[in-house]
Protein backbone atom coordinates (compact mmCIF):
# COMPACT_ATOMS: atom_id res chain seq x y z
CA UNK A 1 0.00 0.00 0.00
CA UNK A 2 1.18 3.52 -0.73
CA UNK A 3 1.74 5.97 2.11
CA UNK A 4 2.44 9.68 2.41
CA UNK A 5 4.20 11.56 5.23
CA UNK A 6 2.49 14.67 6.55
CA UNK A 7 3.86 16.97 9.23
CA UNK A 8 2.15 17.87 12.45
CA UNK A 9 -0.11 19.84 12.93
CA UNK A 10 -1.53 19.16 9.45
CA UNK A 11 -1.74 15.40 9.98
CA UNK A 12 -3.77 16.01 13.15
CA UNK A 13 -6.11 18.38 11.32
CA UNK A 14 -6.64 15.71 8.64
CA UNK A 15 -7.35 12.99 11.20
CA UNK A 16 -9.80 15.29 13.01
CA UNK A 17 -11.44 15.97 9.60
CA UNK A 18 -10.95 19.73 9.87
CA UNK A 19 -8.55 19.68 6.90
CA UNK A 20 -9.62 17.76 3.78
CA UNK A 21 -7.09 19.09 1.24
CA UNK A 22 -3.33 18.47 1.54
CA UNK A 23 -1.29 21.11 -0.31
CA UNK A 24 1.49 19.76 -2.49
CA UNK A 25 3.69 21.15 -5.26
CA UNK A 26 3.03 18.19 -7.55
CA UNK A 27 -0.03 16.79 -9.25
CA UNK A 28 -0.76 13.07 -8.89
CA UNK A 29 -2.91 10.69 -10.90
CA UNK A 30 -3.22 8.33 -7.94
CA UNK A 31 -6.79 7.78 -6.74
CA UNK A 32 -6.87 5.09 -4.07
CA UNK A 33 -6.73 4.48 -0.36
CA UNK A 34 -3.38 5.47 1.12
CA UNK A 35 -1.78 5.21 4.53
CA UNK A 36 -1.13 8.45 6.43
CA UNK A 37 2.26 8.73 8.12
CA UNK A 38 3.02 11.35 10.77
CA UNK A 39 6.42 12.88 10.00
CA UNK A 40 8.92 13.00 12.83
CA UNK A 41 10.07 16.52 12.05
CA UNK A 42 8.45 19.92 11.67
CA UNK A 43 9.61 22.50 9.15
CA UNK A 44 9.32 26.26 9.71
CA UNK A 45 5.86 26.43 8.09
CA UNK A 46 4.55 23.72 10.46
CA UNK A 47 6.00 25.58 13.46
CA UNK A 48 4.36 28.82 12.29
CA UNK A 49 1.05 27.00 11.89
CA UNK A 50 1.28 25.73 15.49
CA UNK A 51 1.62 29.34 16.67
CA UNK A 52 -1.37 30.51 14.63
CA UNK A 53 -4.02 27.81 15.13
CA UNK A 54 -7.58 29.11 15.28
CA UNK A 55 -10.02 27.90 17.96
CA UNK A 56 -11.58 25.13 15.82
CA UNK A 57 -8.15 23.82 14.83
CA UNK A 58 -6.92 23.88 18.42
CA UNK A 59 -10.06 22.08 19.60
CA UNK A 60 -9.72 19.45 16.86
CA UNK A 61 -6.12 18.76 17.79
CA UNK A 62 -7.02 18.38 21.48
CA UNK A 63 -9.07 15.31 20.57
CA UNK A 64 -6.33 13.65 18.46
CA UNK A 65 -3.21 11.90 19.64
CA UNK A 66 -0.59 11.82 16.89
CA UNK A 67 2.44 9.58 17.26
CA UNK A 68 5.20 11.02 15.11
CA UNK A 69 7.16 8.61 12.93
CA UNK A 70 4.23 6.22 12.69
CA UNK A 71 1.41 5.17 10.39
CA UNK A 72 -1.52 6.94 12.08
CA UNK A 73 -4.43 6.61 9.67
CA UNK A 74 -5.84 5.98 6.23
CA UNK A 75 -7.68 8.04 3.65
CA UNK A 76 -8.87 7.79 0.10
CA UNK A 77 -7.02 10.16 -2.21
CA UNK A 78 -10.11 11.03 -4.22
CA UNK A 79 -9.16 14.03 -6.33
CA UNK A 80 -6.67 16.82 -6.92
CA UNK A 81 -7.59 20.52 -7.00
CA UNK A 82 -5.38 22.88 -8.99
CA UNK A 83 -4.88 26.43 -7.69
CA UNK A 84 -3.70 28.65 -10.52
CA UNK A 85 -3.33 31.86 -8.52
CA UNK A 86 -3.29 33.36 -5.03
CA UNK A 87 -6.99 34.24 -5.01
CA UNK A 88 -8.09 30.65 -5.80
CA UNK A 89 -5.74 29.38 -3.10
CA UNK A 90 -7.01 31.82 -0.46
CA UNK A 91 -10.66 31.09 -1.32
CA UNK A 92 -10.18 27.43 -0.33
CA UNK A 93 -8.51 28.10 3.05
CA UNK A 94 -11.27 26.26 4.96
CA UNK A 95 -10.35 23.06 3.14
CA UNK A 96 -6.54 23.16 3.14
CA UNK A 97 -5.91 25.32 6.25
CA UNK A 98 -2.71 26.79 4.83
CA UNK A 99 -2.41 30.53 5.37
CA UNK A 100 -0.94 31.99 2.19
CA UNK A 101 1.08 34.79 3.78
CA UNK A 102 2.51 32.70 6.62
CA UNK A 103 3.04 29.27 5.18
CA UNK A 104 3.49 29.31 1.42
CA UNK A 105 6.94 29.85 -0.04
CA UNK A 106 8.07 33.47 -0.14
CA UNK A 107 7.84 33.38 -3.92
CA UNK A 108 5.09 30.88 -4.65
CA UNK A 109 4.99 29.32 -8.05
CA UNK A 110 1.58 28.42 -9.37
CA UNK A 111 0.00 26.07 -10.02
CA UNK A 112 -0.18 24.59 -6.51
CA UNK A 113 -2.15 21.39 -5.93
CA UNK A 114 -4.38 20.12 -3.15
CA UNK A 115 -4.81 16.39 -2.76
CA UNK A 116 -8.39 15.78 -1.65
CA UNK A 117 -8.83 13.19 1.10
CA UNK A 118 -12.10 11.39 1.77
CA UNK A 119 -13.09 8.55 4.13
CA UNK A 120 -10.38 9.46 6.65
CA UNK A 121 -10.00 7.17 9.63
CA UNK A 122 -7.45 6.65 12.37
CA UNK A 123 -5.30 3.56 12.56
CA UNK A 124 -6.45 0.93 15.07
CA UNK A 125 -2.80 0.66 16.08
CA UNK A 126 -0.07 3.18 15.23
CA UNK A 127 2.85 1.45 13.54
CA UNK A 128 6.42 2.80 13.55
CA UNK A 129 7.64 3.37 10.02
CA UNK A 130 10.39 5.43 8.43
CA UNK A 131 8.70 8.01 6.23
CA UNK A 132 9.93 9.51 3.01
CA UNK A 133 9.33 12.46 0.73
CA UNK A 134 6.61 11.69 -1.79
CA UNK A 135 4.85 8.35 -1.87
CA UNK A 136 6.44 5.30 -0.30
CA UNK A 137 5.22 1.76 0.29
CA UNK A 138 4.36 0.05 3.55
CA UNK A 139 4.35 -3.70 3.98
CA UNK A 140 1.19 -5.77 3.99
CA UNK A 141 1.98 -6.77 7.58
CA UNK A 142 2.24 -3.13 8.70
CA UNK A 143 -0.96 -2.29 6.83
CA UNK A 144 -2.85 -5.12 8.58
CA UNK A 145 -1.47 -4.12 11.98
CA UNK A 146 -2.35 -0.44 11.54
CA UNK A 147 -5.75 -1.11 9.98
CA UNK A 148 -6.99 -3.91 12.22
CA UNK A 149 -4.68 -3.89 15.26
CA UNK A 150 -2.38 -6.64 16.49
CA UNK A 151 -3.69 -10.09 15.72
C-alpha atoms as a PDB file:
ATOM      1  CA  UNK A   1       0.000   0.000   0.000  1.00  0.00           C
ATOM      2  CA  UNK A   2       1.179   3.522  -0.728  1.00  0.00           C
ATOM      3  CA  UNK A   3       1.735   5.966   2.107  1.00  0.00           C
ATOM      4  CA  UNK A   4       2.437   9.678   2.413  1.00  0.00           C
ATOM      5  CA  UNK A   5       4.198  11.565   5.226  1.00  0.00           C
ATOM      6  CA  UNK A   6       2.487  14.673   6.549  1.00  0.00           C
ATOM      7  CA  UNK A   7       3.861  16.965   9.229  1.00  0.00           C
ATOM      8  CA  UNK A   8       2.150  17.870  12.454  1.00  0.00           C
ATOM      9  CA  UNK A   9      -0.114  19.835  12.932  1.00  0.00           C
ATOM     10  CA  UNK A  10      -1.534  19.165   9.450  1.00  0.00           C
ATOM     11  CA  UNK A  11      -1.743  15.396   9.978  1.00  0.00           C
ATOM     12  CA  UNK A  12      -3.770  16.010  13.153  1.00  0.00           C
ATOM     13  CA  UNK A  13      -6.108  18.375  11.319  1.00  0.00           C
ATOM     14  CA  UNK A  14      -6.642  15.714   8.638  1.00  0.00           C
ATOM     15  CA  UNK A  15      -7.348  12.990  11.205  1.00  0.00           C
ATOM     16  CA  UNK A  16      -9.796  15.295  13.012  1.00  0.00           C
ATOM     17  CA  UNK A  17     -11.442  15.974   9.602  1.00  0.00           C
ATOM     18  CA  UNK A  18     -10.948  19.734   9.869  1.00  0.00           C
ATOM     19  CA  UNK A  19      -8.551  19.684   6.901  1.00  0.00           C
ATOM     20  CA  UNK A  20      -9.620  17.764   3.785  1.00  0.00           C
ATOM     21  CA  UNK A  21      -7.086  19.085   1.237  1.00  0.00           C
ATOM     22  CA  UNK A  22      -3.332  18.468   1.544  1.00  0.00           C
ATOM     23  CA  UNK A  23      -1.295  21.114  -0.310  1.00  0.00           C
ATOM     24  CA  UNK A  24       1.489  19.759  -2.492  1.00  0.00           C
ATOM     25  CA  UNK A  25       3.693  21.153  -5.258  1.00  0.00           C
ATOM     26  CA  UNK A  26       3.034  18.188  -7.552  1.00  0.00           C
ATOM     27  CA  UNK A  27      -0.028  16.787  -9.249  1.00  0.00           C
ATOM     28  CA  UNK A  28      -0.759  13.071  -8.887  1.00  0.00           C
ATOM     29  CA  UNK A  29      -2.906  10.689 -10.903  1.00  0.00           C
ATOM     30  CA  UNK A  30      -3.215   8.326  -7.938  1.00  0.00           C
ATOM     31  CA  UNK A  31      -6.788   7.784  -6.739  1.00  0.00           C
ATOM     32  CA  UNK A  32      -6.871   5.095  -4.071  1.00  0.00           C
ATOM     33  CA  UNK A  33      -6.731   4.481  -0.360  1.00  0.00           C
ATOM     34  CA  UNK A  34      -3.376   5.469   1.123  1.00  0.00           C
ATOM     35  CA  UNK A  35      -1.783   5.214   4.534  1.00  0.00           C
ATOM     36  CA  UNK A  36      -1.127   8.450   6.433  1.00  0.00           C
ATOM     37  CA  UNK A  37       2.262   8.727   8.123  1.00  0.00           C
ATOM     38  CA  UNK A  38       3.018  11.353  10.770  1.00  0.00           C
ATOM     39  CA  UNK A  39       6.422  12.881  10.003  1.00  0.00           C
ATOM     40  CA  UNK A  40       8.924  12.996  12.826  1.00  0.00           C
ATOM     41  CA  UNK A  41      10.073  16.521  12.051  1.00  0.00           C
ATOM     42  CA  UNK A  42       8.454  19.921  11.667  1.00  0.00           C
ATOM     43  CA  UNK A  43       9.611  22.502   9.153  1.00  0.00           C
ATOM     44  CA  UNK A  44       9.318  26.260   9.714  1.00  0.00           C
ATOM     45  CA  UNK A  45       5.862  26.426   8.092  1.00  0.00           C
ATOM     46  CA  UNK A  46       4.554  23.724  10.456  1.00  0.00           C
ATOM     47  CA  UNK A  47       5.997  25.575  13.458  1.00  0.00           C
ATOM     48  CA  UNK A  48       4.360  28.824  12.294  1.00  0.00           C
ATOM     49  CA  UNK A  49       1.048  26.995  11.889  1.00  0.00           C
ATOM     50  CA  UNK A  50       1.279  25.735  15.486  1.00  0.00           C
ATOM     51  CA  UNK A  51       1.618  29.335  16.674  1.00  0.00           C
ATOM     52  CA  UNK A  52      -1.374  30.514  14.629  1.00  0.00           C
ATOM     53  CA  UNK A  53      -4.015  27.811  15.130  1.00  0.00           C
ATOM     54  CA  UNK A  54      -7.580  29.108  15.278  1.00  0.00           C
ATOM     55  CA  UNK A  55     -10.023  27.896  17.955  1.00  0.00           C
ATOM     56  CA  UNK A  56     -11.582  25.131  15.819  1.00  0.00           C
ATOM     57  CA  UNK A  57      -8.149  23.815  14.828  1.00  0.00           C
ATOM     58  CA  UNK A  58      -6.921  23.878  18.425  1.00  0.00           C
ATOM     59  CA  UNK A  59     -10.056  22.078  19.603  1.00  0.00           C
ATOM     60  CA  UNK A  60      -9.725  19.454  16.858  1.00  0.00           C
ATOM     61  CA  UNK A  61      -6.116  18.759  17.792  1.00  0.00           C
ATOM     62  CA  UNK A  62      -7.019  18.377  21.475  1.00  0.00           C
ATOM     63  CA  UNK A  63      -9.065  15.306  20.567  1.00  0.00           C
ATOM     64  CA  UNK A  64      -6.330  13.655  18.460  1.00  0.00           C
ATOM     65  CA  UNK A  65      -3.205  11.901  19.638  1.00  0.00           C
ATOM     66  CA  UNK A  66      -0.587  11.815  16.890  1.00  0.00           C
ATOM     67  CA  UNK A  67       2.444   9.584  17.262  1.00  0.00           C
ATOM     68  CA  UNK A  68       5.203  11.022  15.106  1.00  0.00           C
ATOM     69  CA  UNK A  69       7.163   8.613  12.933  1.00  0.00           C
ATOM     70  CA  UNK A  70       4.227   6.217  12.686  1.00  0.00           C
ATOM     71  CA  UNK A  71       1.412   5.175  10.388  1.00  0.00           C
ATOM     72  CA  UNK A  72      -1.522   6.939  12.082  1.00  0.00           C
ATOM     73  CA  UNK A  73      -4.426   6.615   9.672  1.00  0.00           C
ATOM     74  CA  UNK A  74      -5.837   5.978   6.232  1.00  0.00           C
ATOM     75  CA  UNK A  75      -7.676   8.044   3.647  1.00  0.00           C
ATOM     76  CA  UNK A  76      -8.865   7.794   0.097  1.00  0.00           C
ATOM     77  CA  UNK A  77      -7.017  10.155  -2.208  1.00  0.00           C
ATOM     78  CA  UNK A  78     -10.111  11.026  -4.224  1.00  0.00           C
ATOM     79  CA  UNK A  79      -9.161  14.034  -6.334  1.00  0.00           C
ATOM     80  CA  UNK A  80      -6.667  16.823  -6.921  1.00  0.00           C
ATOM     81  CA  UNK A  81      -7.593  20.522  -6.999  1.00  0.00           C
ATOM     82  CA  UNK A  82      -5.378  22.876  -8.993  1.00  0.00           C
ATOM     83  CA  UNK A  83      -4.875  26.427  -7.691  1.00  0.00           C
ATOM     84  CA  UNK A  84      -3.695  28.646 -10.523  1.00  0.00           C
ATOM     85  CA  UNK A  85      -3.325  31.863  -8.516  1.00  0.00           C
ATOM     86  CA  UNK A  86      -3.292  33.363  -5.034  1.00  0.00           C
ATOM     87  CA  UNK A  87      -6.989  34.237  -5.011  1.00  0.00           C
ATOM     88  CA  UNK A  88      -8.085  30.654  -5.803  1.00  0.00           C
ATOM     89  CA  UNK A  89      -5.743  29.384  -3.099  1.00  0.00           C
ATOM     90  CA  UNK A  90      -7.012  31.818  -0.463  1.00  0.00           C
ATOM     91  CA  UNK A  91     -10.655  31.090  -1.318  1.00  0.00           C
ATOM     92  CA  UNK A  92     -10.183  27.433  -0.332  1.00  0.00           C
ATOM     93  CA  UNK A  93      -8.514  28.100   3.054  1.00  0.00           C
ATOM     94  CA  UNK A  94     -11.267  26.263   4.956  1.00  0.00           C
ATOM     95  CA  UNK A  95     -10.355  23.056   3.140  1.00  0.00           C
ATOM     96  CA  UNK A  96      -6.541  23.157   3.137  1.00  0.00           C
ATOM     97  CA  UNK A  97      -5.907  25.320   6.253  1.00  0.00           C
ATOM     98  CA  UNK A  98      -2.707  26.789   4.832  1.00  0.00           C
ATOM     99  CA  UNK A  99      -2.413  30.534   5.367  1.00  0.00           C
ATOM    100  CA  UNK A 100      -0.944  31.994   2.192  1.00  0.00           C
ATOM    101  CA  UNK A 101       1.077  34.786   3.782  1.00  0.00           C
ATOM    102  CA  UNK A 102       2.514  32.703   6.618  1.00  0.00           C
ATOM    103  CA  UNK A 103       3.044  29.269   5.178  1.00  0.00           C
ATOM    104  CA  UNK A 104       3.490  29.308   1.422  1.00  0.00           C
ATOM    105  CA  UNK A 105       6.941  29.854  -0.041  1.00  0.00           C
ATOM    106  CA  UNK A 106       8.073  33.474  -0.137  1.00  0.00           C
ATOM    107  CA  UNK A 107       7.838  33.378  -3.924  1.00  0.00           C
ATOM    108  CA  UNK A 108       5.090  30.883  -4.655  1.00  0.00           C
ATOM    109  CA  UNK A 109       4.986  29.319  -8.052  1.00  0.00           C
ATOM    110  CA  UNK A 110       1.577  28.422  -9.368  1.00  0.00           C
ATOM    111  CA  UNK A 111       0.002  26.067 -10.018  1.00  0.00           C
ATOM    112  CA  UNK A 112      -0.183  24.585  -6.509  1.00  0.00           C
ATOM    113  CA  UNK A 113      -2.145  21.386  -5.926  1.00  0.00           C
ATOM    114  CA  UNK A 114      -4.379  20.116  -3.150  1.00  0.00           C
ATOM    115  CA  UNK A 115      -4.807  16.391  -2.755  1.00  0.00           C
ATOM    116  CA  UNK A 116      -8.395  15.783  -1.652  1.00  0.00           C
ATOM    117  CA  UNK A 117      -8.831  13.191   1.098  1.00  0.00           C
ATOM    118  CA  UNK A 118     -12.102  11.388   1.770  1.00  0.00           C
ATOM    119  CA  UNK A 119     -13.085   8.554   4.131  1.00  0.00           C
ATOM    120  CA  UNK A 120     -10.383   9.464   6.648  1.00  0.00           C
ATOM    121  CA  UNK A 121     -10.000   7.170   9.634  1.00  0.00           C
ATOM    122  CA  UNK A 122      -7.454   6.652  12.370  1.00  0.00           C
ATOM    123  CA  UNK A 123      -5.298   3.558  12.564  1.00  0.00           C
ATOM    124  CA  UNK A 124      -6.451   0.927  15.070  1.00  0.00           C
ATOM    125  CA  UNK A 125      -2.800   0.661  16.077  1.00  0.00           C
ATOM    126  CA  UNK A 126      -0.071   3.180  15.231  1.00  0.00           C
ATOM    127  CA  UNK A 127       2.848   1.452  13.543  1.00  0.00           C
ATOM    128  CA  UNK A 128       6.419   2.805  13.547  1.00  0.00           C
ATOM    129  CA  UNK A 129       7.643   3.368  10.024  1.00  0.00           C
ATOM    130  CA  UNK A 130      10.387   5.434   8.430  1.00  0.00           C
ATOM    131  CA  UNK A 131       8.703   8.014   6.235  1.00  0.00           C
ATOM    132  CA  UNK A 132       9.935   9.512   3.015  1.00  0.00           C
ATOM    133  CA  UNK A 133       9.328  12.463   0.734  1.00  0.00           C
ATOM    134  CA  UNK A 134       6.609  11.694  -1.786  1.00  0.00           C
ATOM    135  CA  UNK A 135       4.845   8.354  -1.869  1.00  0.00           C
ATOM    136  CA  UNK A 136       6.438   5.295  -0.300  1.00  0.00           C
ATOM    137  CA  UNK A 137       5.216   1.759   0.291  1.00  0.00           C
ATOM    138  CA  UNK A 138       4.356   0.051   3.548  1.00  0.00           C
ATOM    139  CA  UNK A 139       4.351  -3.703   3.976  1.00  0.00           C
ATOM    140  CA  UNK A 140       1.188  -5.775   3.987  1.00  0.00           C
ATOM    141  CA  UNK A 141       1.978  -6.771   7.584  1.00  0.00           C
ATOM    142  CA  UNK A 142       2.244  -3.131   8.698  1.00  0.00           C
ATOM    143  CA  UNK A 143      -0.959  -2.295   6.828  1.00  0.00           C
ATOM    144  CA  UNK A 144      -2.846  -5.117   8.575  1.00  0.00           C
ATOM    145  CA  UNK A 145      -1.466  -4.124  11.976  1.00  0.00           C
ATOM    146  CA  UNK A 146      -2.349  -0.439  11.536  1.00  0.00           C
ATOM    147  CA  UNK A 147      -5.750  -1.108   9.981  1.00  0.00           C
ATOM    148  CA  UNK A 148      -6.989  -3.914  12.218  1.00  0.00           C
ATOM    149  CA  UNK A 149      -4.683  -3.895  15.259  1.00  0.00           C
ATOM    150  CA  UNK A 150      -2.377  -6.638  16.490  1.00  0.00           C
ATOM    151  CA  UNK A 151      -3.694 -10.095  15.716  1.00  0.00           C
END
